[in-house]
Amino acid sequence: TGKKLMVVESVDHVIEKVMAYRRA
C-alpha cells in the first residue's frame, strides 16, 4: 500500500512470524 512500519522485531523474527502464519 506504500505504508512503512518501523518495528522492534528483527528481520528474521518478522520472517518467522510470516512463515508461521502461512503454515497455519
mmCIF file of all heavy atoms, coordinates in Angstrom:
data_MODEL
# 
_entry.id   MODEL 
# 
loop_
_atom_site.group_PDB 
_atom_site.id 
_atom_site.type_symbol 
_atom_site.label_atom_id 
_atom_site.label_alt_id 
_atom_site.label_comp_id 
_atom_site.label_asym_id 
_atom_site.label_entity_id 
_atom_site.label_seq_id 
_atom_site.pdbx_PDB_ins_code 
_atom_site.Cartn_x 
_atom_site.Cartn_y 
_atom_site.Cartn_z 
_atom_site.occupancy 
_atom_site.B_iso_or_equiv 
_atom_site.pdbx_formal_charge 
_atom_site.auth_seq_id 
_atom_site.auth_comp_id 
_atom_site.auth_asym_id 
_atom_site.auth_atom_id 
_atom_site.pdbx_PDB_model_num 
ATOM 1   N N   . THR A 1 1  ? 0.819  -1.215  0.000  1.00 0.00 ? 1  THR A N   1 
ATOM 2   C CA  . THR A 1 1  ? 0.000  0.000   0.000  1.00 0.00 ? 1  THR A CA  1 
ATOM 3   C C   . THR A 1 1  ? 0.852  1.263   0.000  1.00 0.00 ? 1  THR A C   1 
ATOM 4   O O   . THR A 1 1  ? 0.325  2.365   -0.119 1.00 0.00 ? 1  THR A O   1 
ATOM 5   C CB  . THR A 1 1  ? -0.904 0.036   1.250  1.00 0.00 ? 1  THR A CB  1 
ATOM 6   O OG1 . THR A 1 1  ? -0.062 0.042   2.412  1.00 0.00 ? 1  THR A OG1 1 
ATOM 7   C CG2 . THR A 1 1  ? -1.845 -1.149  1.303  1.00 0.00 ? 1  THR A CG2 1 
ATOM 8   N N   . GLY A 1 2  ? 2.182  1.101   0.174  1.00 0.00 ? 2  GLY A N   1 
ATOM 9   C CA  . GLY A 1 2  ? 3.085  2.240   0.253  1.00 0.00 ? 2  GLY A CA  1 
ATOM 10  C C   . GLY A 1 2  ? 3.408  2.646   1.678  1.00 0.00 ? 2  GLY A C   1 
ATOM 11  O O   . GLY A 1 2  ? 4.311  3.445   1.913  1.00 0.00 ? 2  GLY A O   1 
ATOM 12  N N   . LYS A 1 3  ? 2.676  2.094   2.644  1.00 0.00 ? 3  LYS A N   1 
ATOM 13  C CA  . LYS A 1 3  ? 2.921  2.414   4.050  1.00 0.00 ? 3  LYS A CA  1 
ATOM 14  C C   . LYS A 1 3  ? 4.168  1.692   4.531  1.00 0.00 ? 3  LYS A C   1 
ATOM 15  O O   . LYS A 1 3  ? 4.471  0.582   4.099  1.00 0.00 ? 3  LYS A O   1 
ATOM 16  C CB  . LYS A 1 3  ? 1.714  1.994   4.888  1.00 0.00 ? 3  LYS A CB  1 
ATOM 17  C CG  . LYS A 1 3  ? 1.779  2.432   6.324  1.00 0.00 ? 3  LYS A CG  1 
ATOM 18  C CD  . LYS A 1 3  ? 0.464  2.205   7.031  1.00 0.00 ? 3  LYS A CD  1 
ATOM 19  C CE  . LYS A 1 3  ? 0.556  2.783   8.429  1.00 0.00 ? 3  LYS A CE  1 
ATOM 20  N NZ  . LYS A 1 3  ? -0.716 2.713   9.129  1.00 0.00 ? 3  LYS A NZ  1 
ATOM 21  N N   . LYS A 1 4  ? 4.917  2.327   5.448  1.00 0.00 ? 4  LYS A N   1 
ATOM 22  C CA  . LYS A 1 4  ? 6.108  1.727   6.052  1.00 0.00 ? 4  LYS A CA  1 
ATOM 23  C C   . LYS A 1 4  ? 5.925  1.724   7.559  1.00 0.00 ? 4  LYS A C   1 
ATOM 24  O O   . LYS A 1 4  ? 5.443  2.698   8.134  1.00 0.00 ? 4  LYS A O   1 
ATOM 25  C CB  . LYS A 1 4  ? 7.362  2.505   5.680  1.00 0.00 ? 4  LYS A CB  1 
ATOM 26  C CG  . LYS A 1 4  ? 7.683  2.420   4.201  1.00 0.00 ? 4  LYS A CG  1 
ATOM 27  C CD  . LYS A 1 4  ? 8.968  3.141   3.876  1.00 0.00 ? 4  LYS A CD  1 
ATOM 28  C CE  . LYS A 1 4  ? 9.189  3.116   2.394  1.00 0.00 ? 4  LYS A CE  1 
ATOM 29  N NZ  . LYS A 1 4  ? 10.242 2.208   2.014  1.00 0.00 ? 4  LYS A NZ  1 
ATOM 30  N N   . LEU A 1 5  ? 6.340  0.620   8.188  1.00 0.00 ? 5  LEU A N   1 
ATOM 31  C CA  . LEU A 1 5  ? 6.244  0.481   9.633  1.00 0.00 ? 5  LEU A CA  1 
ATOM 32  C C   . LEU A 1 5  ? 7.631  0.204   10.195 1.00 0.00 ? 5  LEU A C   1 
ATOM 33  O O   . LEU A 1 5  ? 8.351  -0.650  9.683  1.00 0.00 ? 5  LEU A O   1 
ATOM 34  C CB  . LEU A 1 5  ? 5.334  -0.695  10.000 1.00 0.00 ? 5  LEU A CB  1 
ATOM 35  C CG  . LEU A 1 5  ? 3.913  -0.679  9.464  1.00 0.00 ? 5  LEU A CG  1 
ATOM 36  C CD1 . LEU A 1 5  ? 3.262  -2.029  9.693  1.00 0.00 ? 5  LEU A CD1 1 
ATOM 37  C CD2 . LEU A 1 5  ? 3.125  0.411   10.147 1.00 0.00 ? 5  LEU A CD2 1 
ATOM 38  N N   . MET A 1 6  ? 8.005  0.916   11.252 1.00 0.00 ? 6  MET A N   1 
ATOM 39  C CA  . MET A 1 6  ? 9.251  0.651   11.958 1.00 0.00 ? 6  MET A CA  1 
ATOM 40  C C   . MET A 1 6  ? 8.881  -0.208  13.170 1.00 0.00 ? 6  MET A C   1 
ATOM 41  O O   . MET A 1 6  ? 8.050  0.197   13.985 1.00 0.00 ? 6  MET A O   1 
ATOM 42  C CB  . MET A 1 6  ? 9.919  1.948   12.396 1.00 0.00 ? 6  MET A CB  1 
ATOM 43  C CG  . MET A 1 6  ? 11.308 1.740   12.946 1.00 0.00 ? 6  MET A CG  1 
ATOM 44  S SD  . MET A 1 6  ? 12.126 3.267   13.481 1.00 0.00 ? 6  MET A SD  1 
ATOM 45  C CE  . MET A 1 6  ? 12.005 4.280   12.030 1.00 0.00 ? 6  MET A CE  1 
ATOM 46  N N   . VAL A 1 7  ? 9.491  -1.389  13.260 1.00 0.00 ? 7  VAL A N   1 
ATOM 47  C CA  . VAL A 1 7  ? 9.140  -2.321  14.330 1.00 0.00 ? 7  VAL A CA  1 
ATOM 48  C C   . VAL A 1 7  ? 10.382 -2.760  15.093 1.00 0.00 ? 7  VAL A C   1 
ATOM 49  O O   . VAL A 1 7  ? 11.501 -2.625  14.605 1.00 0.00 ? 7  VAL A O   1 
ATOM 50  C CB  . VAL A 1 7  ? 8.390  -3.552  13.761 1.00 0.00 ? 7  VAL A CB  1 
ATOM 51  C CG1 . VAL A 1 7  ? 7.082  -3.146  13.106 1.00 0.00 ? 7  VAL A CG1 1 
ATOM 52  C CG2 . VAL A 1 7  ? 9.247  -4.332  12.785 1.00 0.00 ? 7  VAL A CG2 1 
ATOM 53  N N   . VAL A 1 8  ? 10.165 -3.293  16.292 1.00 0.00 ? 8  VAL A N   1 
ATOM 54  C CA  . VAL A 1 8  ? 11.291 -3.706  17.135 1.00 0.00 ? 8  VAL A CA  1 
ATOM 55  C C   . VAL A 1 8  ? 11.796 -5.104  16.777 1.00 0.00 ? 8  VAL A C   1 
ATOM 56  O O   . VAL A 1 8  ? 12.947 -5.431  17.071 1.00 0.00 ? 8  VAL A O   1 
ATOM 57  C CB  . VAL A 1 8  ? 10.942 -3.646  18.640 1.00 0.00 ? 8  VAL A CB  1 
ATOM 58  C CG1 . VAL A 1 8  ? 10.609 -2.237  19.061 1.00 0.00 ? 8  VAL A CG1 1 
ATOM 59  C CG2 . VAL A 1 8  ? 9.814  -4.585  18.996 1.00 0.00 ? 8  VAL A CG2 1 
ATOM 60  N N   . GLU A 1 9  ? 10.965 -5.927  16.152 1.00 0.00 ? 9  GLU A N   1 
ATOM 61  C CA  . GLU A 1 9  ? 11.371 -7.279  15.791 1.00 0.00 ? 9  GLU A CA  1 
ATOM 62  C C   . GLU A 1 9  ? 12.472 -7.235  14.740 1.00 0.00 ? 9  GLU A C   1 
ATOM 63  O O   . GLU A 1 9  ? 12.499 -6.350  13.896 1.00 0.00 ? 9  GLU A O   1 
ATOM 64  C CB  . GLU A 1 9  ? 10.184 -8.092  15.254 1.00 0.00 ? 9  GLU A CB  1 
ATOM 65  C CG  . GLU A 1 9  ? 9.144  -8.461  16.294 1.00 0.00 ? 9  GLU A CG  1 
ATOM 66  C CD  . GLU A 1 9  ? 8.118  -7.376  16.551 1.00 0.00 ? 9  GLU A CD  1 
ATOM 67  O OE1 . GLU A 1 9  ? 8.223  -6.280  15.971 1.00 0.00 ? 9  GLU A OE1 1 
ATOM 68  O OE2 . GLU A 1 9  ? 7.208  -7.625  17.355 1.00 0.00 ? 9  GLU A OE2 1 
ATOM 69  N N   . SER A 1 10 ? 13.348 -8.223  14.766 1.00 0.00 ? 10 SER A N   1 
ATOM 70  C CA  . SER A 1 10 ? 14.399 -8.330  13.744 1.00 0.00 ? 10 SER A CA  1 
ATOM 71  C C   . SER A 1 10 ? 13.772 -8.798  12.433 1.00 0.00 ? 10 SER A C   1 
ATOM 72  O O   . SER A 1 10 ? 12.642 -9.322  12.414 1.00 0.00 ? 10 SER A O   1 
ATOM 73  C CB  . SER A 1 10 ? 15.465 -9.327  14.185 1.00 0.00 ? 10 SER A CB  1 
ATOM 74  O OG  . SER A 1 10 ? 14.924 -10.642 14.191 1.00 0.00 ? 10 SER A OG  1 
ATOM 75  N N   . VAL A 1 11 ? 14.512 -8.634  11.349 1.00 0.00 ? 11 VAL A N   1 
ATOM 76  C CA  . VAL A 1 11 ? 14.047 -9.108  10.049 1.00 0.00 ? 11 VAL A CA  1 
ATOM 77  C C   . VAL A 1 11 ? 13.743 -10.600 10.127 1.00 0.00 ? 11 VAL A C   1 
ATOM 78  O O   . VAL A 1 11 ? 12.686 -11.061 9.673  1.00 0.00 ? 11 VAL A O   1 
ATOM 79  C CB  . VAL A 1 11 ? 15.100 -8.812  8.950  1.00 0.00 ? 11 VAL A CB  1 
ATOM 80  C CG1 . VAL A 1 11 ? 14.733 -9.494  7.647  1.00 0.00 ? 11 VAL A CG1 1 
ATOM 81  C CG2 . VAL A 1 11 ? 15.255 -7.313  8.738  1.00 0.00 ? 11 VAL A CG2 1 
ATOM 82  N N   . ASP A 1 12 ? 14.646 -11.362 10.725 1.00 0.00 ? 12 ASP A N   1 
ATOM 83  C CA  . ASP A 1 12 ? 14.449 -12.817 10.828 1.00 0.00 ? 12 ASP A CA  1 
ATOM 84  C C   . ASP A 1 12 ? 13.199 -13.168 11.629 1.00 0.00 ? 12 ASP A C   1 
ATOM 85  O O   . ASP A 1 12 ? 12.480 -14.113 11.279 1.00 0.00 ? 12 ASP A O   1 
ATOM 86  C CB  . ASP A 1 12 ? 15.669 -13.485 11.448 1.00 0.00 ? 12 ASP A CB  1 
ATOM 87  C CG  . ASP A 1 12 ? 16.872 -13.488 10.519 1.00 0.00 ? 12 ASP A CG  1 
ATOM 88  O OD1 . ASP A 1 12 ? 16.677 -13.385 9.290  1.00 0.00 ? 12 ASP A OD1 1 
ATOM 89  O OD2 . ASP A 1 12 ? 18.000 -13.594 11.022 1.00 0.00 ? 12 ASP A OD2 1 
ATOM 90  N N   . HIS A 1 13 ? 12.923 -12.415 12.682 1.00 0.00 ? 13 HIS A N   1 
ATOM 91  C CA  . HIS A 1 13 ? 11.748 -12.692 13.509 1.00 0.00 ? 13 HIS A CA  1 
ATOM 92  C C   . HIS A 1 13 ? 10.465 -12.381 12.738 1.00 0.00 ? 13 HIS A C   1 
ATOM 93  O O   . HIS A 1 13 ? 9.483  -13.124 12.844 1.00 0.00 ? 13 HIS A O   1 
ATOM 94  C CB  . HIS A 1 13 ? 11.819 -11.896 14.810 1.00 0.00 ? 13 HIS A CB  1 
ATOM 95  C CG  . HIS A 1 13 ? 10.866 -12.373 15.850 1.00 0.00 ? 13 HIS A CG  1 
ATOM 96  N ND1 . HIS A 1 13 ? 10.529 -11.618 16.925 1.00 0.00 ? 13 HIS A ND1 1 
ATOM 97  C CD2 . HIS A 1 13 ? 10.165 -13.519 15.985 1.00 0.00 ? 13 HIS A CD2 1 
ATOM 98  C CE1 . HIS A 1 13 ? 9.650  -12.266 17.673 1.00 0.00 ? 13 HIS A CE1 1 
ATOM 99  N NE2 . HIS A 1 13 ? 9.420  -13.430 17.121 1.00 0.00 ? 13 HIS A NE2 1 
ATOM 100 N N   . VAL A 1 14 ? 10.452 -11.304 11.972 1.00 0.00 ? 14 VAL A N   1 
ATOM 101 C CA  . VAL A 1 14 ? 9.276  -10.987 11.146 1.00 0.00 ? 14 VAL A CA  1 
ATOM 102 C C   . VAL A 1 14 ? 9.060  -12.106 10.132 1.00 0.00 ? 14 VAL A C   1 
ATOM 103 O O   . VAL A 1 14 ? 7.931  -12.574 9.937  1.00 0.00 ? 14 VAL A O   1 
ATOM 104 C CB  . VAL A 1 14 ? 9.423  -9.619  10.448 1.00 0.00 ? 14 VAL A CB  1 
ATOM 105 C CG1 . VAL A 1 14 ? 8.245  -9.368  9.504  1.00 0.00 ? 14 VAL A CG1 1 
ATOM 106 C CG2 . VAL A 1 14 ? 9.534  -8.489  11.468 1.00 0.00 ? 14 VAL A CG2 1 
ATOM 107 N N   . ILE A 1 15 ? 10.130 -12.569 9.503  1.00 0.00 ? 15 ILE A N   1 
ATOM 108 C CA  . ILE A 1 15 ? 10.020 -13.664 8.525  1.00 0.00 ? 15 ILE A CA  1 
ATOM 109 C C   . ILE A 1 15 ? 9.458  -14.915 9.193  1.00 0.00 ? 15 ILE A C   1 
ATOM 110 O O   . ILE A 1 15 ? 8.581  -15.588 8.637  1.00 0.00 ? 15 ILE A O   1 
ATOM 111 C CB  . ILE A 1 15 ? 11.383 -13.939 7.869  1.00 0.00 ? 15 ILE A CB  1 
ATOM 112 C CG1 . ILE A 1 15 ? 11.771 -12.762 6.972  1.00 0.00 ? 15 ILE A CG1 1 
ATOM 113 C CG2 . ILE A 1 15 ? 11.358 -15.251 7.073  1.00 0.00 ? 15 ILE A CG2 1 
ATOM 114 C CD1 . ILE A 1 15 ? 13.209 -12.799 6.476  1.00 0.00 ? 15 ILE A CD1 1 
ATOM 115 N N   . GLU A 1 16 ? 9.941  -15.240 10.401 1.00 0.00 ? 16 GLU A N   1 
ATOM 116 C CA  . GLU A 1 16 ? 9.430  -16.403 11.126 1.00 0.00 ? 16 GLU A CA  1 
ATOM 117 C C   . GLU A 1 16 ? 7.936  -16.277 11.387 1.00 0.00 ? 16 GLU A C   1 
ATOM 118 O O   . GLU A 1 16 ? 7.191  -17.249 11.235 1.00 0.00 ? 16 GLU A O   1 
ATOM 119 C CB  . GLU A 1 16 ? 10.173 -16.564 12.450 1.00 0.00 ? 16 GLU A CB  1 
ATOM 120 C CG  . GLU A 1 16 ? 11.593 -17.053 12.310 1.00 0.00 ? 16 GLU A CG  1 
ATOM 121 C CD  . GLU A 1 16 ? 12.355 -17.016 13.622 1.00 0.00 ? 16 GLU A CD  1 
ATOM 122 O OE1 . GLU A 1 16 ? 11.729 -16.869 14.699 1.00 0.00 ? 16 GLU A OE1 1 
ATOM 123 O OE2 . GLU A 1 16 ? 13.594 -17.124 13.573 1.00 0.00 ? 16 GLU A OE2 1 
ATOM 124 N N   . LYS A 1 17 ? 7.492  -15.081 11.771 1.00 0.00 ? 17 LYS A N   1 
ATOM 125 C CA  . LYS A 1 17 ? 6.069  -14.868 12.037 1.00 0.00 ? 17 LYS A CA  1 
ATOM 126 C C   . LYS A 1 17 ? 5.234  -15.033 10.766 1.00 0.00 ? 17 LYS A C   1 
ATOM 127 O O   . LYS A 1 17 ? 4.151  -15.623 10.794 1.00 0.00 ? 17 LYS A O   1 
ATOM 128 C CB  . LYS A 1 17 ? 5.837  -13.488 12.645 1.00 0.00 ? 17 LYS A CB  1 
ATOM 129 C CG  . LYS A 1 17 ? 6.281  -13.381 14.084 1.00 0.00 ? 17 LYS A CG  1 
ATOM 130 C CD  . LYS A 1 17 ? 5.973  -12.009 14.643 1.00 0.00 ? 17 LYS A CD  1 
ATOM 131 C CE  . LYS A 1 17 ? 6.270  -11.984 16.118 1.00 0.00 ? 17 LYS A CE  1 
ATOM 132 N NZ  . LYS A 1 17 ? 5.206  -11.378 16.892 1.00 0.00 ? 17 LYS A NZ  1 
ATOM 133 N N   . VAL A 1 18 ? 5.732  -14.513 9.655  1.00 0.00 ? 18 VAL A N   1 
ATOM 134 C CA  . VAL A 1 18 ? 5.012  -14.648 8.382  1.00 0.00 ? 18 VAL A CA  1 
ATOM 135 C C   . VAL A 1 18 ? 4.959  -16.117 7.967  1.00 0.00 ? 18 VAL A C   1 
ATOM 136 O O   . VAL A 1 18 ? 3.909  -16.606 7.517  1.00 0.00 ? 18 VAL A O   1 
ATOM 137 C CB  . VAL A 1 18 ? 5.658  -13.772 7.285  1.00 0.00 ? 18 VAL A CB  1 
ATOM 138 C CG1 . VAL A 1 18 ? 5.069  -14.079 5.921  1.00 0.00 ? 18 VAL A CG1 1 
ATOM 139 C CG2 . VAL A 1 18 ? 5.485  -12.296 7.626  1.00 0.00 ? 18 VAL A CG2 1 
ATOM 140 N N   . MET A 1 19 ? 6.062  -16.836 8.126  1.00 0.00 ? 19 MET A N   1 
ATOM 141 C CA  . MET A 1 19 ? 6.077  -18.255 7.768  1.00 0.00 ? 19 MET A CA  1 
ATOM 142 C C   . MET A 1 19 ? 5.103  -19.053 8.644  1.00 0.00 ? 19 MET A C   1 
ATOM 143 O O   . MET A 1 19 ? 4.394  -19.929 8.145  1.00 0.00 ? 19 MET A O   1 
ATOM 144 C CB  . MET A 1 19 ? 7.492  -18.806 7.867  1.00 0.00 ? 19 MET A CB  1 
ATOM 145 C CG  . MET A 1 19 ? 8.397  -18.266 6.770  1.00 0.00 ? 19 MET A CG  1 
ATOM 146 S SD  . MET A 1 19 ? 10.125 -18.734 6.948  1.00 0.00 ? 19 MET A SD  1 
ATOM 147 C CE  . MET A 1 19 ? 10.030 -20.500 6.794  1.00 0.00 ? 19 MET A CE  1 
ATOM 148 N N   . ALA A 1 20 ? 5.037  -18.751 9.939  1.00 0.00 ? 20 ALA A N   1 
ATOM 149 C CA  . ALA A 1 20 ? 4.104  -19.430 10.840 1.00 0.00 ? 20 ALA A CA  1 
ATOM 150 C C   . ALA A 1 20 ? 2.664  -19.139 10.426 1.00 0.00 ? 20 ALA A C   1 
ATOM 151 O O   . ALA A 1 20 ? 1.804  -20.034 10.438 1.00 0.00 ? 20 ALA A O   1 
ATOM 152 C CB  . ALA A 1 20 ? 4.351  -18.998 12.282 1.00 0.00 ? 20 ALA A CB  1 
ATOM 153 N N   . TYR A 1 21 ? 2.399  -17.910 10.028 1.00 0.00 ? 21 TYR A N   1 
ATOM 154 C CA  . TYR A 1 21 ? 1.072  -17.523 9.555  1.00 0.00 ? 21 TYR A CA  1 
ATOM 155 C C   . TYR A 1 21 ? 0.694  -18.328 8.313  1.00 0.00 ? 21 TYR A C   1 
ATOM 156 O O   . TYR A 1 21 ? -0.403 -18.884 8.218  1.00 0.00 ? 21 TYR A O   1 
ATOM 157 C CB  . TYR A 1 21 ? 1.056  -16.019 9.253  1.00 0.00 ? 21 TYR A CB  1 
ATOM 158 C CG  . TYR A 1 21 ? -0.071 -15.563 8.363  1.00 0.00 ? 21 TYR A CG  1 
ATOM 159 C CD1 . TYR A 1 21 ? -1.353 -15.411 8.852  1.00 0.00 ? 21 TYR A CD1 1 
ATOM 160 C CD2 . TYR A 1 21 ? 0.156  -15.282 7.019  1.00 0.00 ? 21 TYR A CD2 1 
ATOM 161 C CE1 . TYR A 1 21 ? -2.392 -14.992 8.028  1.00 0.00 ? 21 TYR A CE1 1 
ATOM 162 C CE2 . TYR A 1 21 ? -0.866 -14.862 6.191  1.00 0.00 ? 21 TYR A CE2 1 
ATOM 163 C CZ  . TYR A 1 21 ? -2.138 -14.725 6.701  1.00 0.00 ? 21 TYR A CZ  1 
ATOM 164 O OH  . TYR A 1 21 ? -3.158 -14.316 5.882  1.00 0.00 ? 21 TYR A OH  1 
ATOM 165 N N   . ARG A 1 22 ? 1.611  -18.430 7.378  1.00 0.00 ? 22 ARG A N   1 
ATOM 166 C CA  . ARG A 1 22 ? 1.323  -19.160 6.131  1.00 0.00 ? 22 ARG A CA  1 
ATOM 167 C C   . ARG A 1 22 ? 1.160  -20.662 6.387  1.00 0.00 ? 22 ARG A C   1 
ATOM 168 O O   . ARG A 1 22 ? 0.336  -21.312 5.756  1.00 0.00 ? 22 ARG A O   1 
ATOM 169 C CB  . ARG A 1 22 ? 2.394  -18.883 5.103  1.00 0.00 ? 22 ARG A CB  1 
ATOM 170 C CG  . ARG A 1 22 ? 2.323  -17.421 4.693  1.00 0.00 ? 22 ARG A CG  1 
ATOM 171 C CD  . ARG A 1 22 ? 2.945  -17.151 3.405  1.00 0.00 ? 22 ARG A CD  1 
ATOM 172 N NE  . ARG A 1 22 ? 2.803  -15.711 3.149  1.00 0.00 ? 22 ARG A NE  1 
ATOM 173 C CZ  . ARG A 1 22 ? 3.060  -15.175 2.009  1.00 0.00 ? 22 ARG A CZ  1 
ATOM 174 N NH1 . ARG A 1 22 ? 3.490  -15.903 1.002  1.00 0.00 ? 22 ARG A NH1 1 
ATOM 175 N NH2 . ARG A 1 22 ? 2.923  -13.882 1.845  1.00 0.00 ? 22 ARG A NH2 1 
ATOM 176 N N   . ARG A 1 23 ? 1.952  -21.201 7.325  1.00 0.00 ? 23 ARG A N   1 
ATOM 177 C CA  . ARG A 1 23 ? 1.782  -22.619 7.691  1.00 0.00 ? 23 ARG A CA  1 
ATOM 178 C C   . ARG A 1 23 ? 0.391  -22.836 8.293  1.00 0.00 ? 23 ARG A C   1 
ATOM 179 O O   . ARG A 1 23 ? -0.266 -23.835 8.011  1.00 0.00 ? 23 ARG A O   1 
ATOM 180 C CB  . ARG A 1 23 ? 2.847  -23.055 8.676  1.00 0.00 ? 23 ARG A CB  1 
ATOM 181 C CG  . ARG A 1 23 ? 4.108  -23.559 8.037  1.00 0.00 ? 23 ARG A CG  1 
ATOM 182 C CD  . ARG A 1 23 ? 5.008  -24.282 9.025  1.00 0.00 ? 23 ARG A CD  1 
ATOM 183 N NE  . ARG A 1 23 ? 5.565  -23.402 10.044 1.00 0.00 ? 23 ARG A NE  1 
ATOM 184 C CZ  . ARG A 1 23 ? 6.654  -22.676 9.896  1.00 0.00 ? 23 ARG A CZ  1 
ATOM 185 N NH1 . ARG A 1 23 ? 7.324  -22.716 8.774  1.00 0.00 ? 23 ARG A NH1 1 
ATOM 186 N NH2 . ARG A 1 23 ? 7.081  -21.902 10.867 1.00 0.00 ? 23 ARG A NH2 1 
ATOM 187 N N   . ALA A 1 24 ? -0.042 -21.902 9.116  1.00 0.00 ? 24 ALA A N   1 
ATOM 188 C CA  . ALA A 1 24 ? -1.356 -22.012 9.746  1.00 0.00 ? 24 ALA A CA  1 
ATOM 189 C C   . ALA A 1 24 ? -2.467 -21.998 8.694  1.00 0.00 ? 24 ALA A C   1 
ATOM 190 O O   . ALA A 1 24 ? -3.472 -22.698 8.823  1.00 0.00 ? 24 ALA A O   1 
ATOM 191 C CB  . ALA A 1 24 ? -1.561 -20.896 10.759 1.00 0.00 ? 24 ALA A CB  1 
# 
